[in-house]
Amino acid sequence: MEKTIDENKQGEYLVIENKAGNTRKLFIESYGCAMNFSDSEIVASIMANQGFNTTQNLEEADLVLVNTCSIRDKAEQTVRKRLEKYNAVKRDHNPTMKVGVLGCMAERLKTKFLEEEKIVDLVVGPDAYKDLPNLLAEVDEGRDAINVILSKEETYGDISPVRLNTNGVSAFVSITRGCDNMCTFCVVPFTRGRERSRDPQSIIEEVNDLWNRGYKDITLLGQNVDSYLWYGGGLKKDFEKASDIQKATAVNFSNLLEICAKAQPKMRIRFSTSNPQDLTLNVVKTMAKHPNICNHIHLPVQSGSNRILKEMNRLHTREEYMELIDNIREIIPNCAISQDMIVGFPTETEADFQDTISLMKYVKYNFGYMYKYSERPGTMAGRNMHDDVPEETKKRRLQDIVDLQRIHSEIKTKEWLGKTVEVLIEKESKKSNKQWSGRTSESIVCVFPKGNYKVGDFVNVKVTNCTSATLIGEAVGYSQNN
């Protein structure tokens, strides 16, 4: 749940420009969070060097890969249905097709997929993508293949990701892998391993390369970006064993953010996801200092009840979270704040739920991602806690917080009426081909008439109207970022 799931992107297949000389066809489909979509770009880059071009046509694929998510039961059920579809195509149209599962679900259900259900040919965990060529060779020889070993070092910093289905304007840059926070509801530490950070030099090289290729907006990406810590490589938990010189020259997230902002002062810098116990005020002050670091923090809270937070093994209290919100708003008054929230966690009472409601009313988030608890096998909660909140209660509580968030989103969006905002044009509006759509620094979608502007332009827009989630306005000229 720490990872934001974009429902519009689920099941998106990825297509890149064909590489001359490649003769085999790859169909790759992704589910889950931004990290999974970013990983698919790494996989596509590796496979392009192995003779594979991507295809939109499942029936003609030599290799089908699905990048999976174990965060929610719904995602797993969807992937299972897709695997049934792949196998039906393999049986009826393309018997030489090979099917593989990547990512978090692969790590969790490794032998079940290969040996018990026999629905895939290869299983590849999140740290084993470089081993894909070897695994594929095994499969081509008629053997099942599996590598789900979690690494202490792998960050894929040496692989330049192919940008897939991109608008050519915004891109993800992965900076950490794994997670050390053992939240009891979350399977990520078990599927992606311990936290390690990527060499800052390789990050800056990727940022500079993206700018040179026309990208204007990047998101520094990780399960927990604020705990980024580079001291020459290795796990974050081993930092205490580092030498004095390693400690003295270590780069933390605040340092990295500043390095990126200075490297490309006209490029928008975003980051996700933050954890309340790791987000330091130094990071917030760095955001305030550099106008190209976007004024938006995604700050999952999960619950407003101290008792439930403790059951979740969240390493913050309600009061600490509220103090952090106050400090953010003091340093960056117009900073947008979004949330992840879970209702119906085991033992959650009505009083616990009302604590969540009162926290939401205190913060008044700009937007949020809300879920009802679903037990995930392999998590601490799944092993040790009884899922005792009735489904109807979960549904009612979820609807209550969704309705409340909609009210708060509308309040926050209306604050922009009459103001002029800078918008980076990303694409055509979904509702009208005569309008552009883009985002403000605060991650609010804004639409306006096209005029003579184009995708990739920074435009000042006077806000004249809005919905609960979208600003509507008129362009008044290019911003200084052009």
Protein backbone atom coordinates (compact mmCIF):
# COMPACT_ATOMS: atom_id res chain seq x y z
CA MET A 1 0.00 0.00 0.00
CA GLU A 2 3.04 2.27 0.26
CA LYS A 3 3.09 2.29 -3.50
CA THR A 4 0.61 4.35 -5.45
CA ILE A 5 -1.39 2.28 -7.93
CA ASP A 6 -2.53 4.17 -11.04
CA GLU A 7 -5.70 2.30 -12.06
CA ASN A 8 -5.60 3.80 -15.57
CA LYS A 9 -2.24 2.14 -16.29
CA GLN A 10 -2.98 -1.38 -15.06
CA GLY A 11 -2.36 -3.98 -17.75
CA GLU A 12 -0.67 -1.50 -20.06
CA TYR A 13 1.47 -3.24 -22.66
CA LEU A 14 4.71 -1.56 -23.55
CA VAL A 15 5.98 -0.78 -27.02
CA ILE A 16 9.29 0.72 -28.11
CA GLU A 17 10.89 1.54 -31.43
CA ASN A 18 12.10 -1.55 -33.27
CA LYS A 19 15.80 -2.30 -33.26
CA ALA A 20 17.23 -3.23 -36.66
CA GLY A 21 18.23 -6.87 -36.87
CA ASN A 22 16.04 -8.09 -34.00
CA THR A 23 13.89 -11.02 -35.10
CA ARG A 24 12.06 -12.18 -31.97
CA LYS A 25 8.90 -10.60 -30.57
CA LEU A 26 8.32 -9.58 -26.93
CA PHE A 27 4.92 -8.76 -25.44
CA ILE A 28 5.34 -7.16 -22.00
CA GLU A 29 2.49 -6.10 -19.75
CA SER A 30 2.68 -4.35 -16.37
CA TYR A 31 0.59 -4.20 -13.22
CA GLY A 32 1.07 -2.41 -9.90
CA CYS A 33 2.99 0.69 -8.95
CA ALA A 34 5.29 3.11 -10.78
CA MET A 35 8.26 1.00 -9.69
CA ASN A 36 6.93 -1.94 -11.73
CA PHE A 37 6.43 0.20 -14.85
CA SER A 38 9.95 1.56 -14.40
CA ASP A 39 11.28 -2.01 -14.03
CA SER A 40 9.54 -3.00 -17.29
CA GLU A 41 11.59 -0.33 -19.06
CA ILE A 42 14.77 -1.95 -17.68
CA VAL A 43 13.59 -5.38 -18.85
CA ALA A 44 12.76 -4.07 -22.33
CA SER A 45 16.26 -2.59 -22.57
CA ILE A 46 17.86 -5.91 -21.59
CA MET A 47 15.71 -7.90 -24.03
CA ALA A 48 16.31 -5.46 -26.92
CA ASN A 49 19.98 -6.44 -26.66
CA GLN A 50 18.95 -10.10 -26.85
CA GLY A 51 17.24 -9.80 -30.22
CA PHE A 52 13.70 -8.92 -29.10
CA ASN A 53 11.50 -6.14 -30.48
CA THR A 54 8.26 -5.35 -28.65
CA THR A 55 4.86 -6.09 -30.15
CA GLN A 56 1.26 -5.10 -29.45
CA ASN A 57 0.05 -8.39 -30.88
CA LEU A 58 -0.06 -11.12 -28.24
CA GLU A 59 -0.61 -13.87 -30.83
CA GLU A 60 2.72 -13.24 -32.61
CA ALA A 61 4.89 -13.01 -29.48
CA ASP A 62 7.80 -15.38 -28.98
CA LEU A 63 8.01 -14.30 -25.34
CA VAL A 64 5.25 -12.94 -23.10
CA LEU A 65 6.23 -11.30 -19.82
CA VAL A 66 3.88 -9.92 -17.18
CA ASN A 67 5.32 -7.64 -14.50
CA THR A 68 3.32 -8.30 -11.37
CA CYS A 69 2.23 -6.79 -8.07
CA SER A 70 1.49 -8.48 -4.74
CA ILE A 71 0.16 -5.42 -2.92
CA ARG A 72 -3.52 -6.23 -3.37
CA ASP A 73 -5.49 -9.39 -3.94
CA LYS A 74 -7.26 -7.73 -6.90
CA ALA A 75 -3.93 -7.34 -8.72
CA GLU A 76 -3.06 -11.00 -8.20
CA GLN A 77 -6.45 -12.17 -9.45
CA THR A 78 -6.13 -9.97 -12.55
CA VAL A 79 -2.68 -11.40 -13.31
CA ARG A 80 -3.98 -14.95 -12.93
CA LYS A 81 -6.69 -14.21 -15.51
CA ARG A 82 -4.07 -12.79 -17.87
CA LEU A 83 -1.93 -15.92 -17.45
CA GLU A 84 -4.97 -18.00 -18.41
CA LYS A 85 -5.36 -15.84 -21.53
CA TYR A 86 -1.66 -16.21 -22.45
CA ASN A 87 -1.85 -19.97 -22.08
CA ALA A 88 -5.01 -20.15 -24.20
CA VAL A 89 -3.22 -18.25 -26.98
CA LYS A 90 -0.19 -20.52 -26.57
CA ARG A 91 -2.37 -23.64 -26.78
CA ASP A 92 -4.54 -22.51 -29.74
CA HIS A 93 -2.32 -20.22 -31.85
CA ASN A 94 1.36 -20.21 -30.90
CA PRO A 95 2.65 -23.39 -29.22
CA THR A 96 6.28 -22.18 -29.19
CA MET A 97 5.41 -19.05 -27.18
CA LYS A 98 7.16 -18.80 -23.79
CA VAL A 99 5.41 -17.18 -20.82
CA GLY A 100 7.18 -15.56 -17.88
CA VAL A 101 6.22 -13.79 -14.67
CA LEU A 102 8.32 -10.90 -13.36
CA GLY A 103 8.31 -8.85 -10.19
CA CYS A 104 6.78 -9.12 -6.74
CA MET A 105 4.19 -11.81 -7.43
CA ALA A 106 6.91 -13.89 -9.10
CA GLU A 107 8.98 -13.81 -5.93
CA ARG A 108 6.02 -14.72 -3.73
CA LEU A 109 4.48 -17.52 -5.84
CA LYS A 110 7.60 -18.88 -7.52
CA THR A 111 7.24 -22.66 -7.27
CA LYS A 112 3.44 -22.55 -7.31
CA PHE A 113 3.44 -21.08 -10.82
CA LEU A 114 6.19 -23.31 -12.20
CA GLU A 115 5.79 -26.68 -10.55
CA GLU A 116 2.27 -26.96 -9.14
CA GLU A 117 0.15 -25.08 -11.66
CA LYS A 118 2.58 -25.26 -14.62
CA ILE A 119 1.23 -22.02 -16.12
CA VAL A 120 4.56 -20.31 -16.81
CA ASP A 121 7.96 -21.21 -18.28
CA LEU A 122 10.10 -18.82 -16.29
CA VAL A 123 9.86 -16.85 -13.04
CA VAL A 124 12.06 -13.80 -12.49
CA GLY A 125 12.21 -11.79 -9.27
CA PRO A 126 12.78 -8.01 -9.07
CA ASP A 127 16.55 -8.32 -8.57
CA ALA A 128 17.20 -10.92 -11.29
CA TYR A 129 16.36 -9.12 -14.55
CA LYS A 130 19.99 -9.18 -15.73
CA ASP A 131 19.76 -12.98 -15.58
CA LEU A 132 16.90 -13.03 -18.12
CA PRO A 133 19.13 -14.02 -21.08
CA ASN A 134 20.46 -17.05 -19.15
CA LEU A 135 16.99 -18.01 -17.95
CA LEU A 136 15.60 -17.72 -21.47
CA ALA A 137 18.36 -19.99 -22.76
CA GLU A 138 17.26 -22.59 -20.19
CA VAL A 139 13.66 -22.29 -21.39
CA ASP A 140 14.73 -22.58 -25.05
CA GLU A 141 16.40 -25.88 -24.09
CA GLY A 142 13.05 -27.12 -22.77
CA ARG A 143 13.66 -26.54 -19.06
CA ASP A 144 11.74 -24.39 -16.61
CA ALA A 145 13.79 -21.47 -15.28
CA ILE A 146 13.65 -19.51 -12.05
CA ASN A 147 15.68 -16.80 -10.31
CA VAL A 148 14.06 -14.96 -7.42
CA ILE A 149 17.20 -14.38 -5.37
CA LEU A 150 17.05 -11.00 -3.65
CA SER A 151 20.22 -8.96 -3.98
CA LYS A 152 22.10 -6.78 -1.51
CA GLU A 153 23.66 -4.74 -4.32
CA GLU A 154 21.50 -4.70 -7.44
CA THR A 155 20.16 -1.24 -8.33
CA TYR A 156 20.25 -1.47 -12.17
CA GLY A 157 22.20 1.80 -12.11
CA ASP A 158 24.29 0.64 -15.06
CA ILE A 159 21.32 0.00 -17.35
CA SER A 160 19.83 2.89 -19.30
CA PRO A 161 16.09 2.17 -19.32
CA VAL A 162 14.20 2.27 -22.58
CA ARG A 163 11.32 4.75 -22.19
CA LEU A 164 8.10 2.90 -22.93
CA ASN A 165 4.73 4.41 -23.93
CA THR A 166 6.09 7.75 -22.85
CA ASN A 167 4.78 11.21 -23.65
CA GLY A 168 8.40 12.28 -24.14
CA VAL A 169 7.99 14.85 -21.38
CA SER A 170 7.97 13.02 -18.02
CA ALA A 171 9.98 10.01 -16.84
CA PHE A 172 10.76 7.94 -13.76
CA VAL A 173 14.30 7.71 -12.40
CA SER A 174 14.77 4.87 -9.93
CA ILE A 175 17.04 5.80 -6.98
CA THR A 176 16.45 3.05 -4.40
CA ARG A 177 15.30 -0.55 -4.34
CA GLY A 178 13.80 -2.58 -1.52
CA CYS A 179 12.45 -1.46 1.84
CA ASP A 180 13.53 -1.84 5.48
CA ASN A 181 10.18 -0.78 6.97
CA MET A 182 8.41 -3.92 8.07
CA CYS A 183 4.83 -2.60 7.93
CA THR A 184 2.71 -5.57 8.90
CA PHE A 185 0.30 -5.18 5.95
CA CYS A 186 3.00 -4.94 3.29
CA VAL A 187 4.74 -7.67 1.29
CA VAL A 188 7.39 -5.40 -0.32
CA PRO A 189 10.31 -6.19 2.06
CA PHE A 190 9.80 -9.88 1.29
CA THR A 191 9.45 -9.46 -2.49
CA ARG A 192 11.96 -6.66 -3.14
CA GLY A 193 14.45 -7.21 -0.34
CA ARG A 194 16.39 -4.84 1.89
CA GLU A 195 16.97 -1.19 1.12
CA ARG A 196 19.92 -0.15 -1.03
CA SER A 197 20.60 3.05 -2.90
CA ARG A 198 21.89 3.76 -6.37
CA ASP A 199 25.16 5.57 -7.09
CA PRO A 200 24.31 9.33 -7.30
CA GLN A 201 26.66 9.74 -10.28
CA SER A 202 24.61 7.27 -12.34
CA ILE A 203 21.41 9.08 -11.28
CA ILE A 204 22.73 12.46 -12.42
CA GLU A 205 23.95 10.96 -15.70
CA GLU A 206 20.44 9.60 -16.33
CA VAL A 207 18.83 12.96 -15.40
CA ASN A 208 21.17 14.84 -17.75
CA ASP A 209 20.53 12.34 -20.53
CA LEU A 210 16.76 12.72 -20.13
CA TRP A 211 17.07 16.52 -20.32
CA ASN A 212 19.19 16.25 -23.47
CA ARG A 213 16.48 14.05 -25.00
CA GLY A 214 13.76 16.62 -24.32
CA TYR A 215 12.29 15.43 -21.02
CA LYS A 216 11.11 18.23 -18.73
CA ASP A 217 9.73 16.43 -15.65
CA ILE A 218 11.26 13.53 -13.67
CA THR A 219 10.14 11.59 -10.63
CA LEU A 220 12.85 10.19 -8.36
CA LEU A 221 11.40 6.82 -7.52
CA GLY A 222 11.71 4.29 -4.71
CA GLN A 223 9.71 2.40 -2.12
CA ASN A 224 11.02 4.93 0.39
CA VAL A 225 12.97 7.72 -1.30
CA ASP A 226 13.64 9.73 1.87
CA SER A 227 15.85 7.00 3.27
CA TYR A 228 18.16 7.20 0.23
CA LEU A 229 21.74 6.87 1.47
CA TRP A 230 24.79 6.32 -0.74
CA TYR A 231 28.11 5.65 0.98
CA GLY A 232 29.80 3.63 -1.75
CA GLY A 233 27.28 0.82 -2.11
CA GLY A 234 25.67 -1.80 0.10
CA LEU A 235 22.60 -2.03 2.31
CA LYS A 236 21.41 0.97 4.23
CA LYS A 237 21.30 -1.07 7.43
CA ASP A 238 25.08 -1.63 7.13
CA PHE A 239 25.86 2.11 7.12
CA GLU A 240 26.88 1.94 10.80
CA LYS A 241 29.77 -0.33 9.77
CA ALA A 242 31.01 2.16 7.14
CA SER A 243 34.40 3.82 7.48
CA ASP A 244 34.76 7.38 8.75
CA ILE A 245 35.52 8.63 5.25
CA GLN A 246 32.47 6.83 3.85
CA LYS A 247 30.26 8.42 6.50
CA ALA A 248 31.77 11.86 5.92
CA THR A 249 31.17 11.72 2.16
CA ALA A 250 27.79 9.94 2.24
CA VAL A 251 24.94 11.38 0.14
CA ASN A 252 21.48 11.46 1.72
CA PHE A 253 18.18 12.26 0.01
CA SER A 254 18.31 15.98 0.74
CA ASN A 255 21.80 16.09 -0.84
CA LEU A 256 20.65 14.09 -3.88
CA LEU A 257 17.60 16.31 -4.37
CA GLU A 258 19.80 19.41 -4.38
CA ILE A 259 22.32 17.84 -6.78
CA CYS A 260 19.51 16.99 -9.24
CA ALA A 261 17.91 20.44 -8.92
CA LYS A 262 21.21 22.20 -9.62
CA ALA A 263 22.18 19.86 -12.46
CA GLN A 264 19.10 20.82 -14.48
CA PRO A 265 17.57 24.01 -13.05
CA LYS A 266 14.74 24.13 -15.62
CA MET A 267 13.72 20.50 -15.19
CA ARG A 268 10.89 19.74 -12.77
CA ILE A 269 11.93 17.33 -10.03
CA ARG A 270 9.36 15.18 -8.20
CA PHE A 271 9.80 12.26 -5.81
CA SER A 272 7.77 9.34 -4.49
CA THR A 273 7.13 7.66 -2.10
CA SER A 274 7.89 9.31 1.25
CA ASN A 275 7.53 7.76 4.68
CA PRO A 276 6.64 10.07 7.58
CA GLN A 277 9.41 8.84 9.87
CA ASP A 278 12.08 9.40 7.20
CA LEU A 279 11.01 12.71 5.66
CA THR A 280 13.36 15.25 7.25
CA LEU A 281 12.84 18.99 7.40
CA ASN A 282 16.12 19.31 5.47
CA VAL A 283 14.32 17.75 2.50
CA VAL A 284 11.43 20.22 2.85
CA LYS A 285 13.86 23.16 3.13
CA THR A 286 15.69 21.93 0.01
CA MET A 287 12.34 21.87 -1.81
CA ALA A 288 11.66 25.46 -0.71
CA LYS A 289 15.11 26.60 -1.88
CA HIS A 290 14.85 25.32 -5.46
CA PRO A 291 11.88 26.45 -7.60
CA ASN A 292 12.23 23.45 -9.92
CA ILE A 293 11.56 20.95 -7.12
CA CYS A 294 7.79 20.48 -7.26
CA ASN A 295 5.59 21.50 -4.35
CA HIS A 296 3.97 18.13 -3.77
CA ILE A 297 4.69 15.45 -1.18
CA HIS A 298 2.99 12.07 -1.26
CA LEU A 299 2.96 11.18 2.44
CA PRO A 300 1.17 7.91 3.23
CA VAL A 301 -0.36 7.81 6.72
CA GLN A 302 -2.47 4.59 6.49
CA SER A 303 -4.50 5.32 9.65
CA GLY A 304 -5.28 8.15 12.04
CA SER A 305 -5.40 5.84 15.05
CA ASN A 306 -2.27 5.42 17.18
CA ARG A 307 -3.37 1.95 18.18
CA ILE A 308 -3.80 0.83 14.57
CA LEU A 309 -0.55 2.53 13.52
CA LYS A 310 1.21 0.45 16.17
CA GLU A 311 -0.50 -2.74 14.93
CA MET A 312 0.65 -1.83 11.42
CA ASN A 313 4.21 -1.30 12.72
CA ARG A 314 4.19 2.19 11.28
CA LEU A 315 7.11 4.00 12.87
CA HIS A 316 5.24 7.25 13.54
CA THR A 317 2.35 8.38 15.71
CA ARG A 318 -0.66 10.47 14.81
CA GLU A 319 0.82 13.44 16.68
CA GLU A 320 4.22 13.16 14.96
CA TYR A 321 2.51 13.03 11.58
CA MET A 322 0.41 16.11 12.31
CA GLU A 323 3.51 18.00 13.51
CA LEU A 324 5.27 17.09 10.27
CA ILE A 325 2.31 18.41 8.27
CA ASP A 326 2.41 21.67 10.25
CA ASN A 327 6.15 22.05 9.56
CA ILE A 328 5.73 21.37 5.84
CA ARG A 329 3.02 24.01 5.58
CA GLU A 330 5.09 26.52 7.50
CA ILE A 331 8.09 26.04 5.19
CA ILE A 332 6.11 25.63 1.92
CA PRO A 333 2.62 27.16 2.46
CA ASN A 334 1.17 26.02 -0.88
CA CYS A 335 2.64 22.50 -0.82
CA ALA A 336 0.17 19.86 -1.99
CA ILE A 337 0.00 16.79 0.25
CA SER A 338 -1.52 13.47 -0.78
CA GLN A 339 -2.13 10.27 1.17
CA ASP A 340 -2.45 6.51 1.18
CA MET A 341 -5.08 5.20 3.59
CA ILE A 342 -6.24 1.73 4.64
CA VAL A 343 -9.57 1.07 6.35
CA GLY A 344 -10.67 -2.16 7.96
CA PHE A 345 -7.25 -3.24 9.20
CA PRO A 346 -7.62 -6.13 11.69
CA THR A 347 -9.14 -5.03 15.04
CA GLU A 348 -10.02 -1.54 13.71
CA THR A 349 -12.93 -0.25 15.81
CA GLU A 350 -15.35 2.54 15.01
CA ALA A 351 -13.35 4.77 17.36
CA ASP A 352 -10.15 3.96 15.45
CA PHE A 353 -11.90 4.80 12.20
CA GLN A 354 -13.15 8.12 13.59
CA ASP A 355 -9.51 8.94 14.43
CA THR A 356 -8.77 8.52 10.72
CA ILE A 357 -11.69 10.81 9.82
CA SER A 358 -10.49 13.47 12.26
CA LEU A 359 -6.92 13.27 10.92
CA MET A 360 -8.20 13.76 7.37
CA LYS A 361 -10.19 16.80 8.51
CA TYR A 362 -7.06 18.21 10.18
CA VAL A 363 -4.82 17.77 7.13
CA LYS A 364 -7.34 18.29 4.30
CA TYR A 365 -5.30 16.39 1.70
CA ASN A 366 -5.26 17.53 -1.91
CA PHE A 367 -5.91 13.98 -3.08
CA GLY A 368 -5.40 10.43 -1.93
CA TYR A 369 -5.36 6.70 -2.62
CA MET A 370 -7.70 4.76 -0.37
CA TYR A 371 -8.16 1.03 0.06
CA LYS A 372 -9.99 -1.45 2.21
CA TYR A 373 -7.66 -3.92 3.86
CA SER A 374 -7.11 -7.22 2.05
CA GLU A 375 -4.98 -9.86 3.70
CA ARG A 376 -1.73 -10.53 1.85
CA PRO A 377 -0.16 -13.96 2.37
CA GLY A 378 3.39 -13.73 3.62
CA THR A 379 2.95 -10.46 5.50
CA MET A 380 3.19 -10.21 9.29
CA ALA A 381 -0.51 -9.31 9.50
CA GLY A 382 -1.40 -12.21 7.24
CA ARG A 383 0.52 -14.62 9.46
CA ASN A 384 -0.38 -13.27 12.88
CA MET A 385 -3.67 -11.36 12.71
CA HIS A 386 -7.25 -12.42 12.05
CA ASP A 387 -8.98 -10.36 9.34
CA ASP A 388 -11.92 -9.64 11.64
CA VAL A 389 -13.54 -6.48 10.25
CA PRO A 390 -16.69 -7.44 8.29
CA GLU A 391 -16.59 -6.76 4.54
CA GLU A 392 -19.68 -4.54 4.70
CA THR A 393 -18.02 -2.43 7.40
CA LYS A 394 -14.89 -2.09 5.27
CA LYS A 395 -16.93 -1.01 2.26
CA ARG A 396 -18.87 1.58 4.29
CA ARG A 397 -15.72 3.03 5.86
CA LEU A 398 -13.97 3.17 2.50
CA GLN A 399 -16.91 5.04 0.97
CA ASP A 400 -16.91 7.46 3.90
CA ILE A 401 -13.25 8.44 3.43
CA VAL A 402 -13.59 8.58 -0.37
CA ASP A 403 -16.53 10.98 0.03
CA LEU A 404 -14.62 13.09 2.56
CA GLN A 405 -11.54 13.20 0.34
CA ARG A 406 -13.67 14.39 -2.57
CA ILE A 407 -14.91 17.31 -0.43
CA HIS A 408 -11.36 18.21 0.63
CA SER A 409 -10.05 17.89 -2.95
CA GLU A 410 -12.69 20.35 -4.11
CA ILE A 411 -11.81 22.81 -1.33
CA LYS A 412 -8.11 22.61 -2.22
CA THR A 413 -8.69 22.90 -5.97
CA LYS A 414 -10.96 25.96 -5.58
CA GLU A 415 -8.13 27.78 -3.79
CA TRP A 416 -6.51 28.19 -7.22
CA LEU A 417 -9.45 30.04 -8.82
CA GLY A 418 -8.35 33.40 -10.20
CA LYS A 419 -4.66 32.57 -9.83
CA THR A 420 -2.07 31.99 -12.55
CA VAL A 421 -0.26 28.64 -12.47
CA GLU A 422 2.62 27.20 -14.45
CA VAL A 423 1.58 24.11 -16.42
CA LEU A 424 3.83 21.67 -18.28
CA ILE A 425 1.86 20.39 -21.28
CA GLU A 426 1.92 16.59 -21.26
CA LYS A 427 -0.81 15.47 -23.65
CA GLU A 428 -4.13 16.21 -25.27
CA SER A 429 -7.09 16.48 -22.89
CA LYS A 430 -9.15 13.28 -22.62
CA LYS A 431 -12.40 15.20 -23.08
CA SER A 432 -11.48 17.49 -25.97
CA ASN A 433 -8.92 17.37 -28.78
CA LYS A 434 -8.98 21.18 -28.75
CA GLN A 435 -7.45 21.36 -25.28
CA TRP A 436 -4.08 20.55 -23.75
CA SER A 437 -3.67 18.77 -20.43
CA GLY A 438 -0.75 19.12 -18.05
CA ARG A 439 0.16 19.39 -14.38
CA THR A 440 1.10 22.18 -12.08
CA SER A 441 4.04 21.99 -9.69
CA GLU A 442 1.52 20.75 -7.10
CA SER A 443 0.57 17.76 -9.34
CA ILE A 444 -2.87 19.20 -10.09
CA VAL A 445 -4.16 18.49 -13.61
CA CYS A 446 -4.97 21.61 -15.63
CA VAL A 447 -6.68 21.84 -19.04
CA PHE A 448 -6.82 24.83 -21.38
CA PRO A 449 -7.35 25.66 -25.09
CA LYS A 450 -4.45 24.60 -27.30
CA GLY A 451 -3.64 27.87 -29.04
CA ASN A 452 -0.18 27.65 -30.64
CA TYR A 453 1.37 25.73 -27.74
CA LYS A 454 2.75 22.20 -27.98
CA VAL A 455 3.56 19.20 -25.78
CA GLY A 456 6.61 19.96 -23.61
CA ASP A 457 5.93 23.71 -23.31
CA PHE A 458 5.80 25.41 -19.91
CA VAL A 459 2.76 27.71 -20.04
CA ASN A 460 1.27 30.20 -17.57
CA VAL A 461 -2.45 29.52 -17.23
CA LYS A 462 -5.04 31.78 -15.56
CA VAL A 463 -7.45 29.50 -13.66
CA THR A 464 -11.07 30.42 -14.42
CA ASN A 465 -12.95 27.30 -13.32
CA CYS A 466 -12.38 23.87 -11.78
CA THR A 467 -13.82 20.50 -10.90
CA SER A 468 -12.90 18.68 -7.67
CA ALA A 469 -9.71 17.37 -9.31
CA THR A 470 -8.98 19.52 -12.39
CA LEU A 471 -8.18 23.17 -13.02
CA ILE A 472 -9.67 24.82 -16.11
CA GLY A 473 -8.19 27.98 -17.54
CA GLU A 474 -6.78 30.15 -20.33
CA ALA A 475 -3.13 30.35 -21.36
CA VAL A 476 -1.60 33.78 -20.85
CA GLY A 477 1.86 33.11 -22.29
CA TYR A 478 4.98 30.99 -21.92
CA SER A 479 6.57 30.72 -18.48
CA GLN A 480 10.19 31.65 -17.84
CA ASN A 481 11.15 27.95 -17.89
CA ASN A 482 11.01 27.97 -21.69
